Amino acid sequence: QEVVSAINAKMKVGCTGCGYCMPCPKNV
């Protein structure tokens, strides 16, 4: 839990990289 908290403390966006938001209509 300490390790998870340390990692999450610095993570600003909780994106898993699944790609569900793709393709972006603006090609981002």
mmCIF file of all heavy atoms, coordinates in Angstrom:
data_MODEL
# 
_entry.id   MODEL 
# 
loop_
_atom_site.group_PDB 
_atom_site.id 
_atom_site.type_symbol 
_atom_site.label_atom_id 
_atom_site.label_alt_id 
_atom_site.label_comp_id 
_atom_site.label_asym_id 
_atom_site.label_entity_id 
_atom_site.label_seq_id 
_atom_site.pdbx_PDB_ins_code 
_atom_site.Cartn_x 
_atom_site.Cartn_y 
_atom_site.Cartn_z 
_atom_site.occupancy 
_atom_site.B_iso_or_equiv 
_atom_site.pdbx_formal_charge 
_atom_site.auth_seq_id 
_atom_site.auth_comp_id 
_atom_site.auth_asym_id 
_atom_site.auth_atom_id 
_atom_site.pdbx_PDB_model_num 
ATOM 1   N N   . GLN A 1 1  ? 0.820   -1.214 0.000   1.00 0.00 ? 1  GLN A N   1 
ATOM 2   C CA  . GLN A 1 1  ? 0.000   0.000  0.000   1.00 0.00 ? 1  GLN A CA  1 
ATOM 3   C C   . GLN A 1 1  ? 0.856   1.268  0.000   1.00 0.00 ? 1  GLN A C   1 
ATOM 4   O O   . GLN A 1 1  ? 0.510   2.260  -0.634  1.00 0.00 ? 1  GLN A O   1 
ATOM 5   C CB  . GLN A 1 1  ? -0.968  0.005  1.183   1.00 0.00 ? 1  GLN A CB  1 
ATOM 6   C CG  . GLN A 1 1  ? -2.099  -0.965 1.020   1.00 0.00 ? 1  GLN A CG  1 
ATOM 7   C CD  . GLN A 1 1  ? -2.883  -0.741 -0.265  1.00 0.00 ? 1  GLN A CD  1 
ATOM 8   O OE1 . GLN A 1 1  ? -3.197  0.382  -0.641  1.00 0.00 ? 1  GLN A OE1 1 
ATOM 9   N NE2 . GLN A 1 1  ? -3.170  -1.827 -0.970  1.00 0.00 ? 1  GLN A NE2 1 
ATOM 10  N N   . GLU A 1 2  ? 1.989   1.224  0.695   1.00 0.00 ? 2  GLU A N   1 
ATOM 11  C CA  . GLU A 1 2  ? 2.908   2.373  0.686   1.00 0.00 ? 2  GLU A CA  1 
ATOM 12  C C   . GLU A 1 2  ? 3.465   2.607  -0.715  1.00 0.00 ? 2  GLU A C   1 
ATOM 13  O O   . GLU A 1 2  ? 3.565   3.752  -1.164  1.00 0.00 ? 2  GLU A O   1 
ATOM 14  C CB  . GLU A 1 2  ? 4.060   2.146  1.663   1.00 0.00 ? 2  GLU A CB  1 
ATOM 15  C CG  . GLU A 1 2  ? 3.684   2.293  3.110   1.00 0.00 ? 2  GLU A CG  1 
ATOM 16  C CD  . GLU A 1 2  ? 4.877   2.065  4.036   1.00 0.00 ? 2  GLU A CD  1 
ATOM 17  O OE1 . GLU A 1 2  ? 5.997   2.481  3.675   1.00 0.00 ? 2  GLU A OE1 1 
ATOM 18  O OE2 . GLU A 1 2  ? 4.677   1.471  5.106   1.00 0.00 ? 2  GLU A OE2 1 
ATOM 19  N N   . VAL A 1 3  ? 3.827   1.532  -1.389  1.00 0.00 ? 3  VAL A N   1 
ATOM 20  C CA  . VAL A 1 3  ? 4.359   1.650  -2.751  1.00 0.00 ? 3  VAL A CA  1 
ATOM 21  C C   . VAL A 1 3  ? 3.293   2.209  -3.691  1.00 0.00 ? 3  VAL A C   1 
ATOM 22  O O   . VAL A 1 3  ? 3.555   3.127  -4.470  1.00 0.00 ? 3  VAL A O   1 
ATOM 23  C CB  . VAL A 1 3  ? 4.883   0.285  -3.255  1.00 0.00 ? 3  VAL A CB  1 
ATOM 24  C CG1 . VAL A 1 3  ? 5.223   0.338  -4.736  1.00 0.00 ? 3  VAL A CG1 1 
ATOM 25  C CG2 . VAL A 1 3  ? 6.092   -0.157 -2.449  1.00 0.00 ? 3  VAL A CG2 1 
ATOM 26  N N   . VAL A 1 4  ? 2.080   1.680  -3.601  1.00 0.00 ? 4  VAL A N   1 
ATOM 27  C CA  . VAL A 1 4  ? 0.979   2.163  -4.442  1.00 0.00 ? 4  VAL A CA  1 
ATOM 28  C C   . VAL A 1 4  ? 0.720   3.645  -4.173  1.00 0.00 ? 4  VAL A C   1 
ATOM 29  O O   . VAL A 1 4  ? 0.556   4.436  -5.107  1.00 0.00 ? 4  VAL A O   1 
ATOM 30  C CB  . VAL A 1 4  ? -0.302  1.323  -4.202  1.00 0.00 ? 4  VAL A CB  1 
ATOM 31  C CG1 . VAL A 1 4  ? -1.517  1.979  -4.849  1.00 0.00 ? 4  VAL A CG1 1 
ATOM 32  C CG2 . VAL A 1 4  ? -0.108  -0.084 -4.724  1.00 0.00 ? 4  VAL A CG2 1 
ATOM 33  N N   . SER A 1 5  ? 0.721   4.041  -2.919  1.00 0.00 ? 5  SER A N   1 
ATOM 34  C CA  . SER A 1 5  ? 0.484   5.443  -2.562  1.00 0.00 ? 5  SER A CA  1 
ATOM 35  C C   . SER A 1 5  ? 1.587   6.344  -3.107  1.00 0.00 ? 5  SER A C   1 
ATOM 36  O O   . SER A 1 5  ? 1.319   7.443  -3.604  1.00 0.00 ? 5  SER A O   1 
ATOM 37  C CB  . SER A 1 5  ? 0.381   5.605  -1.053  1.00 0.00 ? 5  SER A CB  1 
ATOM 38  O OG  . SER A 1 5  ? -0.754  4.950  -0.564  1.00 0.00 ? 5  SER A OG  1 
ATOM 39  N N   . ALA A 1 6  ? 2.831   5.889  -3.024  1.00 0.00 ? 6  ALA A N   1 
ATOM 40  C CA  . ALA A 1 6  ? 3.956   6.685  -3.534  1.00 0.00 ? 6  ALA A CA  1 
ATOM 41  C C   . ALA A 1 6  ? 3.851   6.873  -5.037  1.00 0.00 ? 6  ALA A C   1 
ATOM 42  O O   . ALA A 1 6  ? 4.105   7.966  -5.556  1.00 0.00 ? 6  ALA A O   1 
ATOM 43  C CB  . ALA A 1 6  ? 5.278   6.020  -3.169  1.00 0.00 ? 6  ALA A CB  1 
ATOM 44  N N   . ILE A 1 7  ? 3.465   5.831  -5.755  1.00 0.00 ? 7  ILE A N   1 
ATOM 45  C CA  . ILE A 1 7  ? 3.318   5.939  -7.212  1.00 0.00 ? 7  ILE A CA  1 
ATOM 46  C C   . ILE A 1 7  ? 2.151   6.857  -7.547  1.00 0.00 ? 7  ILE A C   1 
ATOM 47  O O   . ILE A 1 7  ? 2.274   7.754  -8.388  1.00 0.00 ? 7  ILE A O   1 
ATOM 48  C CB  . ILE A 1 7  ? 3.113   4.544  -7.843  1.00 0.00 ? 7  ILE A CB  1 
ATOM 49  C CG1 . ILE A 1 7  ? 4.403   3.731  -7.727  1.00 0.00 ? 7  ILE A CG1 1 
ATOM 50  C CG2 . ILE A 1 7  ? 2.675   4.665  -9.299  1.00 0.00 ? 7  ILE A CG2 1 
ATOM 51  C CD1 . ILE A 1 7  ? 4.254   2.275  -8.085  1.00 0.00 ? 7  ILE A CD1 1 
ATOM 52  N N   . ASN A 1 8  ? 1.019   6.655  -6.904  1.00 0.00 ? 8  ASN A N   1 
ATOM 53  C CA  . ASN A 1 8  ? -0.172  7.456  -7.207  1.00 0.00 ? 8  ASN A CA  1 
ATOM 54  C C   . ASN A 1 8  ? -0.011  8.916  -6.813  1.00 0.00 ? 8  ASN A C   1 
ATOM 55  O O   . ASN A 1 8  ? -0.666  9.783  -7.394  1.00 0.00 ? 8  ASN A O   1 
ATOM 56  C CB  . ASN A 1 8  ? -1.396  6.855  -6.528  1.00 0.00 ? 8  ASN A CB  1 
ATOM 57  C CG  . ASN A 1 8  ? -1.842  5.574  -7.199  1.00 0.00 ? 8  ASN A CG  1 
ATOM 58  O OD1 . ASN A 1 8  ? -1.524  5.320  -8.359  1.00 0.00 ? 8  ASN A OD1 1 
ATOM 59  N ND2 . ASN A 1 8  ? -2.572  4.751  -6.476  1.00 0.00 ? 8  ASN A ND2 1 
ATOM 60  N N   . ALA A 1 9  ? 0.842   9.212  -5.839  1.00 0.00 ? 9  ALA A N   1 
ATOM 61  C CA  . ALA A 1 9  ? 1.045   10.598 -5.407  1.00 0.00 ? 9  ALA A CA  1 
ATOM 62  C C   . ALA A 1 9  ? 1.646   11.445 -6.525  1.00 0.00 ? 9  ALA A C   1 
ATOM 63  O O   . ALA A 1 9  ? 1.364   12.634 -6.627  1.00 0.00 ? 9  ALA A O   1 
ATOM 64  C CB  . ALA A 1 9  ? 1.943   10.639 -4.183  1.00 0.00 ? 9  ALA A CB  1 
ATOM 65  N N   . LYS A 1 10 ? 2.460   10.835 -7.371  1.00 0.00 ? 10 LYS A N   1 
ATOM 66  C CA  . LYS A 1 10 ? 3.094   11.582 -8.461  1.00 0.00 ? 10 LYS A CA  1 
ATOM 67  C C   . LYS A 1 10 ? 2.324   11.496 -9.768  1.00 0.00 ? 10 LYS A C   1 
ATOM 68  O O   . LYS A 1 10 ? 2.567   12.275 -10.677 1.00 0.00 ? 10 LYS A O   1 
ATOM 69  C CB  . LYS A 1 10 ? 4.520   11.083 -8.674  1.00 0.00 ? 10 LYS A CB  1 
ATOM 70  C CG  . LYS A 1 10 ? 5.438   11.458 -7.541  1.00 0.00 ? 10 LYS A CG  1 
ATOM 71  C CD  . LYS A 1 10 ? 6.864   11.203 -7.905  1.00 0.00 ? 10 LYS A CD  1 
ATOM 72  C CE  . LYS A 1 10 ? 7.770   11.796 -6.837  1.00 0.00 ? 10 LYS A CE  1 
ATOM 73  N NZ  . LYS A 1 10 ? 9.150   11.835 -7.256  1.00 0.00 ? 10 LYS A NZ  1 
ATOM 74  N N   . MET A 1 11 ? 1.404   10.562 -9.883  1.00 0.00 ? 11 MET A N   1 
ATOM 75  C CA  . MET A 1 11 ? 0.646   10.405 -11.115 1.00 0.00 ? 11 MET A CA  1 
ATOM 76  C C   . MET A 1 11 ? -0.441  11.480 -11.176 1.00 0.00 ? 11 MET A C   1 
ATOM 77  O O   . MET A 1 11 ? -1.246  11.613 -10.253 1.00 0.00 ? 11 MET A O   1 
ATOM 78  C CB  . MET A 1 11 ? 0.024   9.020  -11.200 1.00 0.00 ? 11 MET A CB  1 
ATOM 79  C CG  . MET A 1 11 ? -0.587  8.751  -12.555 1.00 0.00 ? 11 MET A CG  1 
ATOM 80  S SD  . MET A 1 11 ? -1.174  7.070  -12.735 1.00 0.00 ? 11 MET A SD  1 
ATOM 81  C CE  . MET A 1 11 ? 0.354   6.166  -12.635 1.00 0.00 ? 11 MET A CE  1 
ATOM 82  N N   . LYS A 1 12 ? -0.448  12.241 -12.228 1.00 0.00 ? 12 LYS A N   1 
ATOM 83  C CA  . LYS A 1 12 ? -1.401  13.347 -12.350 1.00 0.00 ? 12 LYS A CA  1 
ATOM 84  C C   . LYS A 1 12 ? -2.681  12.940 -13.068 1.00 0.00 ? 12 LYS A C   1 
ATOM 85  O O   . LYS A 1 12 ? -3.739  13.457 -12.794 1.00 0.00 ? 12 LYS A O   1 
ATOM 86  C CB  . LYS A 1 12 ? -0.751  14.519 -13.087 1.00 0.00 ? 12 LYS A CB  1 
ATOM 87  C CG  . LYS A 1 12 ? 0.468   15.071 -12.387 1.00 0.00 ? 12 LYS A CG  1 
ATOM 88  C CD  . LYS A 1 12 ? 0.128   15.589 -11.023 1.00 0.00 ? 12 LYS A CD  1 
ATOM 89  C CE  . LYS A 1 12 ? 1.343   16.144 -10.324 1.00 0.00 ? 12 LYS A CE  1 
ATOM 90  N NZ  . LYS A 1 12 ? 1.087   16.571 -8.985  1.00 0.00 ? 12 LYS A NZ  1 
ATOM 91  N N   . VAL A 1 13 ? -2.579  12.019 -14.048 1.00 0.00 ? 13 VAL A N   1 
ATOM 92  C CA  . VAL A 1 13 ? -3.741  11.585 -14.811 1.00 0.00 ? 13 VAL A CA  1 
ATOM 93  C C   . VAL A 1 13 ? -3.848  10.070 -14.682 1.00 0.00 ? 13 VAL A C   1 
ATOM 94  O O   . VAL A 1 13 ? -2.897  9.356  -14.978 1.00 0.00 ? 13 VAL A O   1 
ATOM 95  C CB  . VAL A 1 13 ? -3.609  11.970 -16.306 1.00 0.00 ? 13 VAL A CB  1 
ATOM 96  C CG1 . VAL A 1 13 ? -4.823  11.521 -17.090 1.00 0.00 ? 13 VAL A CG1 1 
ATOM 97  C CG2 . VAL A 1 13 ? -3.394  13.462 -16.467 1.00 0.00 ? 13 VAL A CG2 1 
ATOM 98  N N   . GLY A 1 14 ? -4.994  9.583  -14.247 1.00 0.00 ? 14 GLY A N   1 
ATOM 99  C CA  . GLY A 1 14 ? -5.184  8.153  -14.045 1.00 0.00 ? 14 GLY A CA  1 
ATOM 100 C C   . GLY A 1 14 ? -5.537  7.407  -15.315 1.00 0.00 ? 14 GLY A C   1 
ATOM 101 O O   . GLY A 1 14 ? -6.491  6.647  -15.337 1.00 0.00 ? 14 GLY A O   1 
ATOM 102 N N   . CYS A 1 15 ? -4.767  7.610  -16.362 1.00 0.00 ? 15 CYS A N   1 
ATOM 103 C CA  . CYS A 1 15 ? -5.004  6.950  -17.647 1.00 0.00 ? 15 CYS A CA  1 
ATOM 104 C C   . CYS A 1 15 ? -4.291  5.604  -17.660 1.00 0.00 ? 15 CYS A C   1 
ATOM 105 O O   . CYS A 1 15 ? -3.111  5.509  -17.344 1.00 0.00 ? 15 CYS A O   1 
ATOM 106 C CB  . CYS A 1 15 ? -4.477  7.824  -18.781 1.00 0.00 ? 15 CYS A CB  1 
ATOM 107 S SG  . CYS A 1 15 ? -4.564  7.080  -20.409 1.00 0.00 ? 15 CYS A SG  1 
ATOM 108 N N   . THR A 1 16 ? -5.023  4.558  -18.056 1.00 0.00 ? 16 THR A N   1 
ATOM 109 C CA  . THR A 1 16 ? -4.427  3.229  -18.142 1.00 0.00 ? 16 THR A CA  1 
ATOM 110 C C   . THR A 1 16 ? -3.812  2.950  -19.502 1.00 0.00 ? 16 THR A C   1 
ATOM 111 O O   . THR A 1 16 ? -3.162  1.935  -19.688 1.00 0.00 ? 16 THR A O   1 
ATOM 112 C CB  . THR A 1 16 ? -5.480  2.146  -17.861 1.00 0.00 ? 16 THR A CB  1 
ATOM 113 O OG1 . THR A 1 16 ? -6.484  2.212  -18.884 1.00 0.00 ? 16 THR A OG1 1 
ATOM 114 C CG2 . THR A 1 16 ? -6.105  2.321  -16.490 1.00 0.00 ? 16 THR A CG2 1 
ATOM 115 N N   . GLY A 1 17 ? -4.041  3.836  -20.468 1.00 0.00 ? 17 GLY A N   1 
ATOM 116 C CA  . GLY A 1 17 ? -3.507  3.631  -21.814 1.00 0.00 ? 17 GLY A CA  1 
ATOM 117 C C   . GLY A 1 17 ? -4.300  2.614  -22.613 1.00 0.00 ? 17 GLY A C   1 
ATOM 118 O O   . GLY A 1 17 ? -3.790  2.048  -23.582 1.00 0.00 ? 17 GLY A O   1 
ATOM 119 N N   . CYS A 1 18 ? -5.550  2.373  -22.253 1.00 0.00 ? 18 CYS A N   1 
ATOM 120 C CA  . CYS A 1 18 ? -6.356  1.347  -22.920 1.00 0.00 ? 18 CYS A CA  1 
ATOM 121 C C   . CYS A 1 18 ? -6.707  1.721  -24.358 1.00 0.00 ? 18 CYS A C   1 
ATOM 122 O O   . CYS A 1 18 ? -6.999  0.860  -25.167 1.00 0.00 ? 18 CYS A O   1 
ATOM 123 C CB  . CYS A 1 18 ? -7.626  1.071  -22.128 1.00 0.00 ? 18 CYS A CB  1 
ATOM 124 S SG  . CYS A 1 18 ? -8.849  2.407  -22.175 1.00 0.00 ? 18 CYS A SG  1 
ATOM 125 N N   . GLY A 1 19 ? -6.709  3.017  -24.679 1.00 0.00 ? 19 GLY A N   1 
ATOM 126 C CA  . GLY A 1 19 ? -7.016  3.459  -26.037 1.00 0.00 ? 19 GLY A CA  1 
ATOM 127 C C   . GLY A 1 19 ? -8.498  3.606  -26.322 1.00 0.00 ? 19 GLY A C   1 
ATOM 128 O O   . GLY A 1 19 ? -8.891  3.841  -27.462 1.00 0.00 ? 19 GLY A O   1 
ATOM 129 N N   . TYR A 1 20 ? -9.345  3.472  -25.307 1.00 0.00 ? 20 TYR A N   1 
ATOM 130 C CA  . TYR A 1 20 ? -10.794 3.598  -25.499 1.00 0.00 ? 20 TYR A CA  1 
ATOM 131 C C   . TYR A 1 20 ? -11.163 4.970  -26.070 1.00 0.00 ? 20 TYR A C   1 
ATOM 132 O O   . TYR A 1 20 ? -12.129 5.089  -26.810 1.00 0.00 ? 20 TYR A O   1 
ATOM 133 C CB  . TYR A 1 20 ? -11.514 3.356  -24.170 1.00 0.00 ? 20 TYR A CB  1 
ATOM 134 C CG  . TYR A 1 20 ? -13.019 3.353  -24.275 1.00 0.00 ? 20 TYR A CG  1 
ATOM 135 C CD1 . TYR A 1 20 ? -13.681 2.268  -24.832 1.00 0.00 ? 20 TYR A CD1 1 
ATOM 136 C CD2 . TYR A 1 20 ? -13.768 4.434  -23.833 1.00 0.00 ? 20 TYR A CD2 1 
ATOM 137 C CE1 . TYR A 1 20 ? -15.059 2.257  -24.930 1.00 0.00 ? 20 TYR A CE1 1 
ATOM 138 C CE2 . TYR A 1 20 ? -15.151 4.433  -23.933 1.00 0.00 ? 20 TYR A CE2 1 
ATOM 139 C CZ  . TYR A 1 20 ? -15.792 3.341  -24.481 1.00 0.00 ? 20 TYR A CZ  1 
ATOM 140 O OH  . TYR A 1 20 ? -17.155 3.332  -24.589 1.00 0.00 ? 20 TYR A OH  1 
ATOM 141 N N   . CYS A 1 21 ? -10.373 5.972  -25.763 1.00 0.00 ? 21 CYS A N   1 
ATOM 142 C CA  . CYS A 1 21 ? -10.645 7.336  -26.230 1.00 0.00 ? 21 CYS A CA  1 
ATOM 143 C C   . CYS A 1 21 ? -10.186 7.567  -27.676 1.00 0.00 ? 21 CYS A C   1 
ATOM 144 O O   . CYS A 1 21 ? -10.385 8.648  -28.226 1.00 0.00 ? 21 CYS A O   1 
ATOM 145 C CB  . CYS A 1 21 ? -9.955  8.339  -25.311 1.00 0.00 ? 21 CYS A CB  1 
ATOM 146 S SG  . CYS A 1 21 ? -8.167  8.082  -25.195 1.00 0.00 ? 21 CYS A SG  1 
ATOM 147 N N   . MET A 1 22 ? -9.580  6.569  -28.267 1.00 0.00 ? 22 MET A N   1 
ATOM 148 C CA  . MET A 1 22 ? -9.045  6.700  -29.611 1.00 0.00 ? 22 MET A CA  1 
ATOM 149 C C   . MET A 1 22 ? -10.008 6.074  -30.624 1.00 0.00 ? 22 MET A C   1 
ATOM 150 O O   . MET A 1 22 ? -10.733 5.161  -30.292 1.00 0.00 ? 22 MET A O   1 
ATOM 151 C CB  . MET A 1 22 ? -7.675  6.020  -29.689 1.00 0.00 ? 22 MET A CB  1 
ATOM 152 C CG  . MET A 1 22 ? -6.647  6.633  -28.771 1.00 0.00 ? 22 MET A CG  1 
ATOM 153 S SD  . MET A 1 22 ? -6.303  8.359  -29.083 1.00 0.00 ? 22 MET A SD  1 
ATOM 154 C CE  . MET A 1 22 ? -5.402  8.264  -30.613 1.00 0.00 ? 22 MET A CE  1 
ATOM 155 N N   . PRO A 1 23 ? -10.035 6.539  -31.845 1.00 0.00 ? 23 PRO A N   1 
ATOM 156 C CA  . PRO A 1 23 ? -9.222  7.622  -32.372 1.00 0.00 ? 23 PRO A CA  1 
ATOM 157 C C   . PRO A 1 23 ? -9.803  8.976  -31.984 1.00 0.00 ? 23 PRO A C   1 
ATOM 158 O O   . PRO A 1 23 ? -11.008 9.154  -31.933 1.00 0.00 ? 23 PRO A O   1 
ATOM 159 C CB  . PRO A 1 23 ? -9.285  7.409  -33.879 1.00 0.00 ? 23 PRO A CB  1 
ATOM 160 C CG  . PRO A 1 23 ? -10.613 6.757  -34.111 1.00 0.00 ? 23 PRO A CG  1 
ATOM 161 C CD  . PRO A 1 23 ? -10.858 5.910  -32.891 1.00 0.00 ? 23 PRO A CD  1 
ATOM 162 N N   . CYS A 1 24 ? -8.908  9.899  -31.723 1.00 0.00 ? 24 CYS A N   1 
ATOM 163 C CA  . CYS A 1 24 ? -9.315  11.265 -31.393 1.00 0.00 ? 24 CYS A CA  1 
ATOM 164 C C   . CYS A 1 24 ? -9.684  11.981 -32.696 1.00 0.00 ? 24 CYS A C   1 
ATOM 165 O O   . CYS A 1 24 ? -8.938  11.919 -33.670 1.00 0.00 ? 24 CYS A O   1 
ATOM 166 C CB  . CYS A 1 24 ? -8.164  11.982 -30.702 1.00 0.00 ? 24 CYS A CB  1 
ATOM 167 S SG  . CYS A 1 24 ? -8.457  13.746 -30.441 1.00 0.00 ? 24 CYS A SG  1 
ATOM 168 N N   . PRO A 1 25 ? -10.813 12.692 -32.722 1.00 0.00 ? 25 PRO A N   1 
ATOM 169 C CA  . PRO A 1 25 ? -11.200 13.407 -33.941 1.00 0.00 ? 25 PRO A CA  1 
ATOM 170 C C   . PRO A 1 25 ? -10.223 14.517 -34.323 1.00 0.00 ? 25 PRO A C   1 
ATOM 171 O O   . PRO A 1 25 ? -10.201 14.956 -35.472 1.00 0.00 ? 25 PRO A O   1 
ATOM 172 C CB  . PRO A 1 25 ? -12.594 13.970 -33.626 1.00 0.00 ? 25 PRO A CB  1 
ATOM 173 C CG  . PRO A 1 25 ? -12.716 13.917 -32.141 1.00 0.00 ? 25 PRO A CG  1 
ATOM 174 C CD  . PRO A 1 25 ? -11.807 12.841 -31.656 1.00 0.00 ? 25 PRO A CD  1 
ATOM 175 N N   . LYS A 1 26 ? -9.388  14.931 -33.386 1.00 0.00 ? 26 LYS A N   1 
ATOM 176 C CA  . LYS A 1 26 ? -8.386  15.970 -33.665 1.00 0.00 ? 26 LYS A CA  1 
ATOM 177 C C   . LYS A 1 26 ? -6.997  15.372 -33.844 1.00 0.00 ? 26 LYS A C   1 
ATOM 178 O O   . LYS A 1 26 ? -6.003  16.082 -33.860 1.00 0.00 ? 26 LYS A O   1 
ATOM 179 C CB  . LYS A 1 26 ? -8.355  17.009 -32.537 1.00 0.00 ? 26 LYS A CB  1 
ATOM 180 C CG  . LYS A 1 26 ? -9.658  17.738 -32.337 1.00 0.00 ? 26 LYS A CG  1 
ATOM 181 C CD  . LYS A 1 26 ? -9.959  18.639 -33.509 1.00 0.00 ? 26 LYS A CD  1 
ATOM 182 C CE  . LYS A 1 26 ? -11.233 19.432 -33.233 1.00 0.00 ? 26 LYS A CE  1 
ATOM 183 N NZ  . LYS A 1 26 ? -11.573 20.309 -34.326 1.00 0.00 ? 26 LYS A NZ  1 
ATOM 184 N N   . ASN A 1 27 ? -6.925  14.030 -33.974 1.00 0.00 ? 27 ASN A N   1 
ATOM 185 C CA  . ASN A 1 27 ? -5.668  13.305 -34.189 1.00 0.00 ? 27 ASN A CA  1 
ATOM 186 C C   . ASN A 1 27 ? -4.651  13.485 -33.064 1.00 0.00 ? 27 ASN A C   1 
ATOM 187 O O   . ASN A 1 27 ? -3.451  13.486 -33.300 1.00 0.00 ? 27 ASN A O   1 
ATOM 188 C CB  . ASN A 1 27 ? -5.041  13.669 -35.536 1.00 0.00 ? 27 ASN A CB  1 
ATOM 189 C CG  . ASN A 1 27 ? -5.909  13.243 -36.688 1.00 0.00 ? 27 ASN A CG  1 
ATOM 190 O OD1 . ASN A 1 27 ? -6.462  12.142 -36.674 1.00 0.00 ? 27 ASN A OD1 1 
ATOM 191 N ND2 . ASN A 1 27 ? -6.065  14.103 -37.680 1.00 0.00 ? 27 ASN A ND2 1 
ATOM 192 N N   . VAL A 1 28 ? -5.146  13.621 -31.847 1.00 0.00 ? 28 VAL A N   1 
ATOM 193 C CA  . VAL A 1 28 ? -4.269  13.722 -30.680 1.00 0.00 ? 28 VAL A CA  1 
ATOM 194 C C   . VAL A 1 28 ? -4.058  12.322 -30.120 1.00 0.00 ? 28 VAL A C   1 
ATOM 195 O O   . VAL A 1 28 ? -5.015  11.564 -29.955 1.00 0.00 ? 28 VAL A O   1 
ATOM 196 C CB  . VAL A 1 28 ? -4.890  14.641 -29.601 1.00 0.00 ? 28 VAL A CB  1 
ATOM 197 C CG1 . VAL A 1 28 ? -4.067  14.631 -28.322 1.00 0.00 ? 28 VAL A CG1 1 
ATOM 198 C CG2 . VAL A 1 28 ? -5.051  16.048 -30.136 1.00 0.00 ? 28 VAL A CG2 1 
# 
